[in-house]
């Protein structure tokens, strides 16, 4: 019997331009470990810089790929 998958929240170092509809409606959702029902597995992500599912570098917008080291990555801290 398979164990249920544990919901994933956004990594702390995810790009600040990474967004979902859920995060727009609930600003406390972003990177909050207290939000148990939000899963990065089911969300549809888009980039605030392009307003599409592809970033400025034309690559997919996903929590796993929108991380430090990506050319277009930006931080909350500026």
C-alpha atoms as a PDB file:
ATOM      1  CA  UNK A   1       0.000   0.000   0.000  1.00  0.00           C
ATOM      2  CA  UNK A   2       1.404   3.377  -1.004  1.00  0.00           C
ATOM      3  CA  UNK A   3       1.831   6.117   1.550  1.00  0.00           C
ATOM      4  CA  UNK A   4      -0.086   9.328   0.785  1.00  0.00           C
ATOM      5  CA  UNK A   5       2.103  12.054  -0.718  1.00  0.00           C
ATOM      6  CA  UNK A   6       2.869  14.908   1.602  1.00  0.00           C
ATOM      7  CA  UNK A   7       1.708  18.256   0.129  1.00  0.00           C
ATOM      8  CA  UNK A   8       4.544  20.463  -1.047  1.00  0.00           C
ATOM      9  CA  UNK A   9       4.712  24.170  -0.379  1.00  0.00           C
ATOM     10  CA  UNK A  10       6.843  26.585  -2.367  1.00  0.00           C
ATOM     11  CA  UNK A  11      10.570  26.515  -1.647  1.00  0.00           C
ATOM     12  CA  UNK A  12      11.768  29.510   0.367  1.00  0.00           C
ATOM     13  CA  UNK A  13      14.122  30.520  -2.443  1.00  0.00           C
ATOM     14  CA  UNK A  14      11.480  30.387  -5.204  1.00  0.00           C
ATOM     15  CA  UNK A  15      11.497  33.384  -7.549  1.00  0.00           C
ATOM     16  CA  UNK A  16       9.406  36.278  -6.269  1.00  0.00           C
ATOM     17  CA  UNK A  17       7.779  36.546  -9.730  1.00  0.00           C
ATOM     18  CA  UNK A  18       6.367  33.003  -9.401  1.00  0.00           C
ATOM     19  CA  UNK A  19       2.597  33.232  -8.930  1.00  0.00           C
ATOM     20  CA  UNK A  20      -0.628  31.223  -8.889  1.00  0.00           C
ATOM     21  CA  UNK A  21      -4.255  32.297  -8.754  1.00  0.00           C
ATOM     22  CA  UNK A  22      -4.428  30.990  -5.184  1.00  0.00           C
ATOM     23  CA  UNK A  23      -1.552  33.232  -4.086  1.00  0.00           C
ATOM     24  CA  UNK A  24      -3.322  36.217  -5.688  1.00  0.00           C
ATOM     25  CA  UNK A  25      -6.485  35.561  -3.708  1.00  0.00           C
ATOM     26  CA  UNK A  26      -4.701  34.814  -0.422  1.00  0.00           C
ATOM     27  CA  UNK A  27      -1.476  36.758   0.044  1.00  0.00           C
ATOM     28  CA  UNK A  28      -0.618  34.735   3.155  1.00  0.00           C
ATOM     29  CA  UNK A  29      -0.361  31.633   0.930  1.00  0.00           C
ATOM     30  CA  UNK A  30       3.095  32.435  -0.409  1.00  0.00           C
ATOM     31  CA  UNK A  31       5.746  30.249   1.200  1.00  0.00           C
ATOM     32  CA  UNK A  32       3.560  29.633   4.248  1.00  0.00           C
ATOM     33  CA  UNK A  33       4.042  26.284   5.949  1.00  0.00           C
ATOM     34  CA  UNK A  34       0.771  26.922   7.812  1.00  0.00           C
ATOM     35  CA  UNK A  35      -1.308  26.534   4.639  1.00  0.00           C
ATOM     36  CA  UNK A  36      -1.752  22.763   4.639  1.00  0.00           C
ATOM     37  CA  UNK A  37      -4.147  22.533   1.694  1.00  0.00           C
ATOM     38  CA  UNK A  38      -1.977  24.294  -0.908  1.00  0.00           C
ATOM     39  CA  UNK A  39       0.135  21.982  -2.994  1.00  0.00           C
ATOM     40  CA  UNK A  40       2.673  22.897  -5.607  1.00  0.00           C
ATOM     41  CA  UNK A  41       1.644  19.651  -7.337  1.00  0.00           C
ATOM     42  CA  UNK A  42      -1.797  20.921  -8.334  1.00  0.00           C
ATOM     43  CA  UNK A  43      -1.288  24.648  -8.877  1.00  0.00           C
ATOM     44  CA  UNK A  44      -0.954  26.289 -12.279  1.00  0.00           C
ATOM     45  CA  UNK A  45       1.937  28.754 -12.132  1.00  0.00           C
ATOM     46  CA  UNK A  46       2.678  31.878 -14.150  1.00  0.00           C
ATOM     47  CA  UNK A  47       5.361  34.550 -14.126  1.00  0.00           C
ATOM     48  CA  UNK A  48       4.551  38.091 -12.995  1.00  0.00           C
ATOM     49  CA  UNK A  49       7.182  39.444 -15.378  1.00  0.00           C
ATOM     50  CA  UNK A  50       5.661  37.845 -18.495  1.00  0.00           C
ATOM     51  CA  UNK A  51       2.122  37.114 -17.242  1.00  0.00           C
ATOM     52  CA  UNK A  52       2.386  33.701 -18.929  1.00  0.00           C
ATOM     53  CA  UNK A  53       3.326  30.139 -18.013  1.00  0.00           C
ATOM     54  CA  UNK A  54       6.791  30.780 -19.479  1.00  0.00           C
ATOM     55  CA  UNK A  55       9.375  33.085 -17.939  1.00  0.00           C
ATOM     56  CA  UNK A  56      11.469  35.776 -19.672  1.00  0.00           C
ATOM     57  CA  UNK A  57      13.843  33.005 -20.770  1.00  0.00           C
ATOM     58  CA  UNK A  58      10.931  31.103 -22.447  1.00  0.00           C
ATOM     59  CA  UNK A  59      11.301  28.191 -20.022  1.00  0.00           C
ATOM     60  CA  UNK A  60       8.391  26.754 -17.991  1.00  0.00           C
ATOM     61  CA  UNK A  61       7.382  28.487 -14.767  1.00  0.00           C
ATOM     62  CA  UNK A  62       7.490  25.912 -11.961  1.00  0.00           C
ATOM     63  CA  UNK A  63       8.611  25.938  -8.314  1.00  0.00           C
ATOM     64  CA  UNK A  64      11.386  23.458  -9.143  1.00  0.00           C
ATOM     65  CA  UNK A  65      12.805  25.539 -12.015  1.00  0.00           C
ATOM     66  CA  UNK A  66      12.234  29.108 -10.770  1.00  0.00           C
ATOM     67  CA  UNK A  67      15.125  29.006  -8.335  1.00  0.00           C
ATOM     68  CA  UNK A  68      18.489  30.738  -7.854  1.00  0.00           C
ATOM     69  CA  UNK A  69      20.728  30.095 -10.808  1.00  0.00           C
ATOM     70  CA  UNK A  70      18.030  30.653 -13.406  1.00  0.00           C
ATOM     71  CA  UNK A  71      18.921  33.689 -15.513  1.00  0.00           C
ATOM     72  CA  UNK A  72      15.616  35.517 -14.865  1.00  0.00           C
ATOM     73  CA  UNK A  73      15.321  34.609 -11.133  1.00  0.00           C
ATOM     74  CA  UNK A  74      14.616  37.524  -8.786  1.00  0.00           C
ATOM     75  CA  UNK A  75      14.439  37.775  -5.014  1.00  0.00           C
ATOM     76  CA  UNK A  76      11.885  39.387  -2.678  1.00  0.00           C
ATOM     77  CA  UNK A  77      14.748  41.272  -1.113  1.00  0.00           C
ATOM     78  CA  UNK A  78      15.775  44.215  -3.228  1.00  0.00           C
END
